[in-house]
C-alpha atoms as a PDB file:
ATOM      1  CA  MET A   1      16.053  79.611  13.617  1.00  0.00           C
ATOM      2  CA  THR A   2      13.944  77.059  15.486  1.00  0.00           C
ATOM      3  CA  ALA A   3      14.302  73.296  15.147  1.00  0.00           C
ATOM      4  CA  ALA A   4      10.914  73.118  13.389  1.00  0.00           C
ATOM      5  CA  THR A   5      12.042  75.669  10.815  1.00  0.00           C
ATOM      6  CA  ARG A   6      15.336  73.858  10.256  1.00  0.00           C
ATOM      7  CA  LEU A   7      13.534  70.532   9.769  1.00  0.00           C
ATOM      8  CA  SER A   8      10.955  71.945   7.387  1.00  0.00           C
ATOM      9  CA  LEU A   9      13.532  73.827   5.349  1.00  0.00           C
ATOM     10  CA  ALA A  10      15.905  70.871   5.233  1.00  0.00           C
ATOM     11  CA  MET A  11      13.108  68.657   3.967  1.00  0.00           C
ATOM     12  CA  LEU A  12      11.997  71.170   1.366  1.00  0.00           C
ATOM     13  CA  LEU A  13      15.497  71.990   0.242  1.00  0.00           C
ATOM     14  CA  SER A  14      16.357  68.398  -0.320  1.00  0.00           C
ATOM     15  CA  THR A  15      13.210  68.146  -2.358  1.00  0.00           C
ATOM     16  CA  LEU A  16      14.327  71.046  -4.445  1.00  0.00           C
ATOM     17  CA  ALA A  17      17.505  69.260  -5.247  1.00  0.00           C
ATOM     18  CA  ALA A  18      15.451  67.330  -7.718  1.00  0.00           C
ATOM     19  CA  GLY A  19      14.397  70.324  -9.738  1.00  0.00           C
ATOM     20  CA  GLY A  20      11.145  71.664 -11.051  1.00  0.00           C
ATOM     21  CA  ALA A  21       8.480  70.256 -13.374  1.00  0.00           C
ATOM     22  CA  TRP A  22       7.969  67.231 -15.576  1.00  0.00           C
ATOM     23  CA  ALA A  23       5.309  65.306 -17.392  1.00  0.00           C
ATOM     24  CA  GLU A  24       3.296  62.680 -15.564  1.00  0.00           C
ATOM     25  CA  ALA A  25       5.029  59.784 -17.311  1.00  0.00           C
ATOM     26  CA  SER A  26       8.518  61.232 -17.684  1.00  0.00           C
ATOM     27  CA  LEU A  27      10.869  63.613 -15.968  1.00  0.00           C
ATOM     28  CA  ASP A  28      13.444  65.555 -17.959  1.00  0.00           C
ATOM     29  CA  LEU A  29      15.791  67.784 -15.978  1.00  0.00           C
ATOM     30  CA  ALA A  30      16.643  69.680 -19.179  1.00  0.00           C
ATOM     31  CA  THR A  31      13.105  71.092 -19.453  1.00  0.00           C
ATOM     32  CA  ILE A  32      12.405  72.318 -15.913  1.00  0.00           C
ATOM     33  CA  GLY A  33      13.985  75.775 -16.103  1.00  0.00           C
ATOM     34  CA  GLY A  34      12.194  78.818 -14.785  1.00  0.00           C
ATOM     35  CA  ASP A  35      10.749  80.294 -11.638  1.00  0.00           C
ATOM     36  CA  TRP A  36       8.426  78.363  -9.318  1.00  0.00           C
ATOM     37  CA  GLN A  37       6.487  79.311  -6.213  1.00  0.00           C
ATOM     38  CA  GLY A  38       4.067  77.649  -3.882  1.00  0.00           C
ATOM     39  CA  ALA A  39       3.030  76.635  -0.418  1.00  0.00           C
ATOM     40  CA  GLY A  40       2.345  73.585   1.662  1.00  0.00           C
ATOM     41  CA  SER A  41       2.491  72.192   5.142  1.00  0.00           C
ATOM     42  CA  TYR A  42       5.014  70.527   7.389  1.00  0.00           C
ATOM     43  CA  ALA A  43       4.706  68.608  10.622  1.00  0.00           C
ATOM     44  CA  ARG A  44       7.319  67.348  13.016  1.00  0.00           C
ATOM     45  CA  GLY A  45       6.548  64.478  15.325  1.00  0.00           C
ATOM     46  CA  THR A  46       3.159  65.056  16.933  1.00  0.00           C
ATOM     47  CA  ASP A  47       3.313  68.873  16.589  1.00  0.00           C
ATOM     48  CA  GLU A  48       0.491  70.708  14.839  1.00  0.00           C
ATOM     49  CA  PRO A  49       1.163  71.187  11.110  1.00  0.00           C
ATOM     50  CA  GLY A  50       2.640  74.511  10.010  1.00  0.00           C
ATOM     51  CA  ARG A  51       2.669  76.381   6.683  1.00  0.00           C
ATOM     52  CA  ILE A  52       5.689  76.838   4.426  1.00  0.00           C
ATOM     53  CA  ARG A  53       6.102  79.060   1.324  1.00  0.00           C
ATOM     54  CA  CYS A  54       8.847  78.785  -1.286  1.00  0.00           C
ATOM     55  CA  LYS A  55      10.235  80.556  -4.349  1.00  0.00           C
ATOM     56  CA  ILE A  56      12.630  78.608  -6.570  1.00  0.00           C
ATOM     57  CA  SER A  57      14.696  79.431  -9.655  1.00  0.00           C
ATOM     58  CA  ILE A  58      15.915  76.555 -11.856  1.00  0.00           C
ATOM     59  CA  SER A  59      18.501  77.009 -14.604  1.00  0.00           C
ATOM     60  CA  ASP A  60      20.988  75.008 -16.668  1.00  0.00           C
ATOM     61  CA  THR A  61      24.736  75.429 -16.125  1.00  0.00           C
ATOM     62  CA  ALA A  62      27.544  75.395 -18.676  1.00  0.00           C
ATOM     63  CA  ARG A  63      28.632  72.040 -17.154  1.00  0.00           C
ATOM     64  CA  GLY A  64      25.378  70.378 -18.239  1.00  0.00           C
ATOM     65  CA  THR A  65      23.911  70.286 -14.739  1.00  0.00           C
ATOM     66  CA  THR A  66      20.844  71.996 -13.282  1.00  0.00           C
ATOM     67  CA  LEU A  67      21.166  74.725 -10.652  1.00  0.00           C
ATOM     68  CA  VAL A  68      18.299  75.006  -8.149  1.00  0.00           C
ATOM     69  CA  GLU A  69      18.324  78.136  -5.995  1.00  0.00           C
ATOM     70  CA  GLY A  70      15.623  79.439  -3.729  1.00  0.00           C
ATOM     71  CA  ARG A  71      14.200  80.678  -0.490  1.00  0.00           C
ATOM     72  CA  CYS A  72      11.654  79.037   1.805  1.00  0.00           C
ATOM     73  CA  ALA A  73       9.931  80.499   4.837  1.00  0.00           C
ATOM     74  CA  THR A  74       7.830  79.381   7.781  1.00  0.00           C
ATOM     75  CA  ALA A  75       6.372  81.441  10.626  1.00  0.00           C
ATOM     76  CA  GLU A  76       9.630  80.802  12.532  1.00  0.00           C
ATOM     77  CA  GLY A  77      11.993  82.117   9.842  1.00  0.00           C
ATOM     78  CA  SER A  78      13.436  81.595   6.390  1.00  0.00           C
ATOM     79  CA  ASP A  79      16.449  80.084   4.673  1.00  0.00           C
ATOM     80  CA  VAL A  80      18.141  80.151   1.269  1.00  0.00           C
ATOM     81  CA  PHE A  81      19.617  77.198  -0.600  1.00  0.00           C
ATOM     82  CA  GLY A  82      21.588  76.236  -3.692  1.00  0.00           C
ATOM     83  CA  LEU A  83      21.900  72.764  -5.200  1.00  0.00           C
ATOM     84  CA  GLU A  84      23.576  71.507  -8.360  1.00  0.00           C
ATOM     85  CA  VAL A  85      21.731  68.514  -9.807  1.00  0.00           C
ATOM     86  CA  SER A  86      23.162  66.055 -12.316  1.00  0.00           C
ATOM     87  CA  GLU A  87      21.563  63.106 -14.042  1.00  0.00           C
ATOM     88  CA  GLY A  88      23.566  59.954 -14.707  1.00  0.00           C
ATOM     89  CA  GLU A  89      22.889  56.764 -16.584  1.00  0.00           C
ATOM     90  CA  ASN A  90      19.815  54.656 -15.810  1.00  0.00           C
ATOM     91  CA  GLY A  91      18.037  57.519 -14.041  1.00  0.00           C
ATOM     92  CA  GLN A  92      20.654  58.008 -11.318  1.00  0.00           C
ATOM     93  CA  ILE A  93      20.401  61.521  -9.832  1.00  0.00           C
ATOM     94  CA  SER A  94      22.995  63.333  -7.736  1.00  0.00           C
ATOM     95  CA  ALA A  95      22.357  66.678  -5.999  1.00  0.00           C
ATOM     96  CA  GLN A  96      25.375  68.547  -4.596  1.00  0.00           C
ATOM     97  CA  ASN A  97      24.795  71.203  -1.930  1.00  0.00           C
ATOM     98  CA  ARG A  98      26.490  74.431  -3.140  1.00  0.00           C
ATOM     99  CA  MET A  99      26.052  76.463   0.050  1.00  0.00           C
ATOM    100  CA  ASP A 100      29.098  77.223   2.210  1.00  0.00           C
ATOM    101  CA  PRO A 101      28.533  76.302   4.991  1.00  0.00           C
ATOM    102  CA  PRO A 102      26.060  73.637   3.823  1.00  0.00           C
ATOM    103  CA  GLY A 103      23.248  74.774   6.135  1.00  0.00           C
ATOM    104  CA  ASN A 104      20.309  72.426   6.696  1.00  0.00           C
ATOM    105  CA  LEU A 105      20.911  70.117   3.748  1.00  0.00           C
ATOM    106  CA  PRO A 106      23.217  67.152   3.436  1.00  0.00           C
ATOM    107  CA  VAL A 107      26.306  67.747   1.308  1.00  0.00           C
ATOM    108  CA  LEU A 108      25.036  65.129  -1.167  1.00  0.00           C
ATOM    109  CA  LEU A 109      21.630  63.660  -2.060  1.00  0.00           C
ATOM    110  CA  GLU A 110      21.344  60.644  -4.335  1.00  0.00           C
ATOM    111  CA  GLY A 111      18.496  58.769  -5.892  1.00  0.00           C
ATOM    112  CA  THR A 112      16.792  57.494  -8.988  1.00  0.00           C
ATOM    113  CA  LEU A 113      14.435  58.689 -11.632  1.00  0.00           C
ATOM    114  CA  ALA A 114      12.061  55.957 -12.782  1.00  0.00           C
ATOM    115  CA  ASP A 115       8.492  55.824 -14.066  1.00  0.00           C
ATOM    116  CA  GLY A 116       8.204  59.634 -13.870  1.00  0.00           C
ATOM    117  CA  ILE A 117       8.964  59.738 -10.135  1.00  0.00           C
ATOM    118  CA  LEU A 118      12.126  61.164  -8.637  1.00  0.00           C
ATOM    119  CA  VAL A 119      13.199  59.618  -5.323  1.00  0.00           C
ATOM    120  CA  LEU A 120      16.153  61.099  -3.383  1.00  0.00           C
ATOM    121  CA  GLN A 121      17.829  60.205  -0.091  1.00  0.00           C
ATOM    122  CA  GLY A 122      20.601  61.737   1.972  1.00  0.00           C
ATOM    123  CA  GLU A 123      21.756  62.050   5.541  1.00  0.00           C
ATOM    124  CA  GLY A 124      18.632  62.891   7.561  1.00  0.00           C
ATOM    125  CA  ILE A 125      16.274  62.444   4.576  1.00  0.00           C
ATOM    126  CA  ALA A 126      14.468  59.080   4.546  1.00  0.00           C
ATOM    127  CA  ALA A 127      12.440  59.604   1.377  1.00  0.00           C
ATOM    128  CA  LEU A 128      11.593  62.328  -1.054  1.00  0.00           C
ATOM    129  CA  GLU A 129       9.138  61.874  -3.927  1.00  0.00           C
ATOM    130  CA  MET A 130       8.387  64.340  -6.703  1.00  0.00           C
ATOM    131  CA  ARG A 131       5.964  64.280  -9.647  1.00  0.00           C
ATOM    132  CA  LEU A 132       3.876  66.580 -11.845  1.00  0.00           C
ATOM    133  CA  GLU A 133       0.133  66.592 -11.167  1.00  0.00           C
ATOM    134  CA  ASP A 134      -2.220  68.986 -12.961  1.00  0.00           C
ATOM    135  CA  ASP A 135       0.645  71.271 -14.113  1.00  0.00           C
ATOM    136  CA  ALA A 136       1.933  71.637 -10.538  1.00  0.00           C
ATOM    137  CA  LEU A 137       4.955  70.055  -8.941  1.00  0.00           C
ATOM    138  CA  THR A 138       3.989  68.055  -5.861  1.00  0.00           C
ATOM    139  CA  LEU A 139       6.605  67.122  -3.293  1.00  0.00           C
ATOM    140  CA  ALA A 140       6.376  64.684  -0.401  1.00  0.00           C
ATOM    141  CA  ILE A 141       9.305  64.375   2.018  1.00  0.00           C
ATOM    142  CA  VAL A 142       9.777  62.211   5.086  1.00  0.00           C
ATOM    143  CA  SER A 143      12.520  63.048   7.576  1.00  0.00           C
ATOM    144  CA  GLY A 144      15.029  60.375   8.493  1.00  0.00           C
ATOM    145  CA  ALA A 145      15.393  61.618  12.094  1.00  0.00           C
ATOM    146  CA  GLU A 146      14.364  58.700  14.317  1.00  0.00           C
ATOM    147  CA  ALA A 147      14.012  60.803  17.458  1.00  0.00           C
ATOM    148  CA  ARG A 148      11.465  63.134  15.869  1.00  0.00           C
ATOM    149  CA  PRO A 149      10.146  62.150  12.437  1.00  0.00           C
ATOM    150  CA  GLY A 150       8.657  64.772  10.153  1.00  0.00           C
ATOM    151  CA  ARG A 151       6.808  65.156   6.887  1.00  0.00           C
ATOM    152  CA  MET A 152       6.365  67.958   4.391  1.00  0.00           C
ATOM    153  CA  ASP A 153       4.018  68.353   1.414  1.00  0.00           C
ATOM    154  CA  VAL A 154       4.395  71.303  -0.990  1.00  0.00           C
ATOM    155  CA  ARG A 155       2.703  72.249  -4.255  1.00  0.00           C
ATOM    156  CA  LEU A 156       4.645  74.548  -6.621  1.00  0.00           C
ATOM    157  CA  THR A 157       3.439  76.222  -9.818  1.00  0.00           C
ATOM    158  CA  ARG A 158       5.282  78.281 -12.401  1.00  0.00           C
ATOM    159  CA  ALA A 159       5.609  81.883 -11.277  1.00  0.00           C
ATOM    160  CA  ALA A 160       3.984  84.544 -13.428  1.00  0.00           C
ATOM    161  CA  PRO A 161       6.560  86.443 -15.531  1.00  0.00           C
END
């Protein structure tokens, strides 16, 4: 898998750690279950933007956490991921990478949920923002790699049953 694919998938996968869909003014991890799919673009450094497509499944666990599993692909290749997301007091969010080996994602992502916006950070992830706009989940991610910064924007909608 190329470096561009790894960067784009790492950025998207960390985004997915946050989950699926929420109302404009509030995010509730307990209500985001289901299948999601969508597409967007990614760019690394000064490279031309590329396209990325994703399919995600979100479900609750018996432990009271949210499991986010999926697959994302670019022209260079694809990758699978699995994250277990938990919500703490005061909007604190923790996303544990459940892949072994961990792949392109950090072992742990942490952040906050405030004013309907989820913001996560982890090793190599400078910022990730998620919100619901027009019944679609929009994601914006900025890489934390100083040598070659990157950005990804993806729009996901509920998959047809």
